[in-house]
Amino acid sequence: MLIKDHEVEDMPQRVTETFQPLEAVTKPLLTTTEFCHYTNLAKQTAWLWSCKDSGKVKPVRIGGKLGWPTKDIKALCGVQ
């Protein structure tokens, strides 16, 4: 199936998030998306680490959501 030029303009655009350098992050917990970005891991890996409690970083569970400790992620990535 070919897409015509006028149809391309109507297609939804992918929203890309921008992330500040890990060195500049000061909040105590990161979201799973941020965690995966900084560690270059798939979300499935983060999910597996949280479910099996088997990863190098242990998430904090808050109201059904996961928060990943920034200091542990910085240590894992070798960032001060």
C-alpha atoms as a PDB file:
ATOM      1  CA  MET A   1       0.000   0.000   0.000  1.00  0.00           C
ATOM      2  CA  LEU A   2       1.405   3.356  -1.011  1.00  0.00           C
ATOM      3  CA  ILE A   3       0.942   6.473   1.079  1.00  0.00           C
ATOM      4  CA  LYS A   4       0.163   9.641  -0.803  1.00  0.00           C
ATOM      5  CA  ASP A   5       1.871  12.936   0.031  1.00  0.00           C
ATOM      6  CA  HIS A   6      -1.225  14.538   1.533  1.00  0.00           C
ATOM      7  CA  GLU A   7      -1.755  11.499   3.778  1.00  0.00           C
ATOM      8  CA  VAL A   8       1.730  11.838   5.277  1.00  0.00           C
ATOM      9  CA  GLU A   9       0.887  15.304   6.573  1.00  0.00           C
ATOM     10  CA  ASP A  10      -2.183  13.944   8.357  1.00  0.00           C
ATOM     11  CA  MET A  11      -0.310  11.120  10.091  1.00  0.00           C
ATOM     12  CA  PRO A  12       0.342  11.611  13.821  1.00  0.00           C
ATOM     13  CA  GLN A  13       3.901  12.557  14.614  1.00  0.00           C
ATOM     14  CA  ARG A  14       5.906  10.624  17.168  1.00  0.00           C
ATOM     15  CA  VAL A  15       6.480  12.626  20.322  1.00  0.00           C
ATOM     16  CA  THR A  16      10.058  12.451  21.479  1.00  0.00           C
ATOM     17  CA  GLU A  17      11.058  13.247  25.016  1.00  0.00           C
ATOM     18  CA  THR A  18      14.122  15.267  25.811  1.00  0.00           C
ATOM     19  CA  PHE A  19      16.280  14.254  28.723  1.00  0.00           C
ATOM     20  CA  GLN A  20      18.780  16.379  30.574  1.00  0.00           C
ATOM     21  CA  PRO A  21      22.223  14.910  31.213  1.00  0.00           C
ATOM     22  CA  LEU A  22      22.235  12.451  34.107  1.00  0.00           C
ATOM     23  CA  GLU A  23      24.817  14.603  35.890  1.00  0.00           C
ATOM     24  CA  ALA A  24      22.256  17.435  36.043  1.00  0.00           C
ATOM     25  CA  VAL A  25      19.384  15.367  37.453  1.00  0.00           C
ATOM     26  CA  THR A  26      18.637  16.318  41.061  1.00  0.00           C
ATOM     27  CA  LYS A  27      15.281  14.685  41.796  1.00  0.00           C
ATOM     28  CA  PRO A  28      15.471  11.628  44.077  1.00  0.00           C
ATOM     29  CA  LEU A  29      13.506   9.215  41.844  1.00  0.00           C
ATOM     30  CA  LEU A  30      13.318   8.717  38.089  1.00  0.00           C
ATOM     31  CA  THR A  31      10.429   7.340  36.060  1.00  0.00           C
ATOM     32  CA  THR A  32      10.799   4.023  34.281  1.00  0.00           C
ATOM     33  CA  THR A  33      11.132   5.849  30.952  1.00  0.00           C
ATOM     34  CA  GLU A  34      13.956   7.991  32.330  1.00  0.00           C
ATOM     35  CA  PHE A  35      15.612   4.972  33.941  1.00  0.00           C
ATOM     36  CA  CYS A  36      15.557   3.084  30.645  1.00  0.00           C
ATOM     37  CA  HIS A  37      16.908   6.080  28.744  1.00  0.00           C
ATOM     38  CA  TYR A  38      19.887   6.617  31.036  1.00  0.00           C
ATOM     39  CA  THR A  39      20.765   2.926  31.344  1.00  0.00           C
ATOM     40  CA  ASN A  40      19.969   2.046  27.726  1.00  0.00           C
ATOM     41  CA  LEU A  41      17.746  -0.818  28.861  1.00  0.00           C
ATOM     42  CA  ALA A  42      14.389  -1.877  27.447  1.00  0.00           C
ATOM     43  CA  LYS A  43      11.243  -1.239  29.487  1.00  0.00           C
ATOM     44  CA  GLN A  44      10.725  -5.006  29.589  1.00  0.00           C
ATOM     45  CA  THR A  45      14.069  -5.361  31.375  1.00  0.00           C
ATOM     46  CA  ALA A  46      13.069  -2.750  33.943  1.00  0.00           C
ATOM     47  CA  TRP A  47       9.765  -4.543  34.448  1.00  0.00           C
ATOM     48  CA  LEU A  48      11.575  -7.858  34.918  1.00  0.00           C
ATOM     49  CA  TRP A  49      13.994  -6.323  37.423  1.00  0.00           C
ATOM     50  CA  SER A  50      11.101  -4.908  39.425  1.00  0.00           C
ATOM     51  CA  CYS A  51       8.982  -8.080  39.354  1.00  0.00           C
ATOM     52  CA  LYS A  52      11.747 -10.528  40.209  1.00  0.00           C
ATOM     53  CA  ASP A  53      13.704  -8.120  42.414  1.00  0.00           C
ATOM     54  CA  SER A  54      16.751  -9.289  40.487  1.00  0.00           C
ATOM     55  CA  GLY A  55      18.244  -6.157  38.971  1.00  0.00           C
ATOM     56  CA  LYS A  56      21.186  -4.003  39.837  1.00  0.00           C
ATOM     57  CA  VAL A  57      18.805  -1.208  40.868  1.00  0.00           C
ATOM     58  CA  LYS A  58      15.801  -1.780  43.136  1.00  0.00           C
ATOM     59  CA  PRO A  59      12.765   0.390  42.371  1.00  0.00           C
ATOM     60  CA  VAL A  60      10.606   2.102  44.962  1.00  0.00           C
ATOM     61  CA  ARG A  61       6.910   1.335  44.584  1.00  0.00           C
ATOM     62  CA  ILE A  62       4.666   4.342  45.147  1.00  0.00           C
ATOM     63  CA  GLY A  63       0.949   3.979  44.537  1.00  0.00           C
ATOM     64  CA  GLY A  64       1.321   1.315  41.867  1.00  0.00           C
ATOM     65  CA  LYS A  65       4.095   3.174  40.054  1.00  0.00           C
ATOM     66  CA  LEU A  66       7.824   2.596  40.084  1.00  0.00           C
ATOM     67  CA  GLY A  67      10.421   5.150  41.051  1.00  0.00           C
ATOM     68  CA  TRP A  68      14.052   4.377  40.366  1.00  0.00           C
ATOM     69  CA  PRO A  69      16.592   5.913  42.810  1.00  0.00           C
ATOM     70  CA  THR A  70      18.686   8.492  40.991  1.00  0.00           C
ATOM     71  CA  LYS A  71      21.761   7.912  43.146  1.00  0.00           C
ATOM     72  CA  ASP A  72      21.740   4.177  42.329  1.00  0.00           C
ATOM     73  CA  ILE A  73      21.357   4.872  38.607  1.00  0.00           C
ATOM     74  CA  LYS A  74      24.206   7.374  38.699  1.00  0.00           C
ATOM     75  CA  ALA A  75      26.391   4.799  40.454  1.00  0.00           C
ATOM     76  CA  LEU A  76      25.439   2.135  37.892  1.00  0.00           C
ATOM     77  CA  CYS A  77      26.308   4.481  35.014  1.00  0.00           C
ATOM     78  CA  GLY A  78      29.487   5.752  36.672  1.00  0.00           C
ATOM     79  CA  VAL A  79      28.256   9.332  36.969  1.00  0.00           C
ATOM     80  CA  GLN A  80      28.972  11.606  39.928  1.00  0.00           C
END
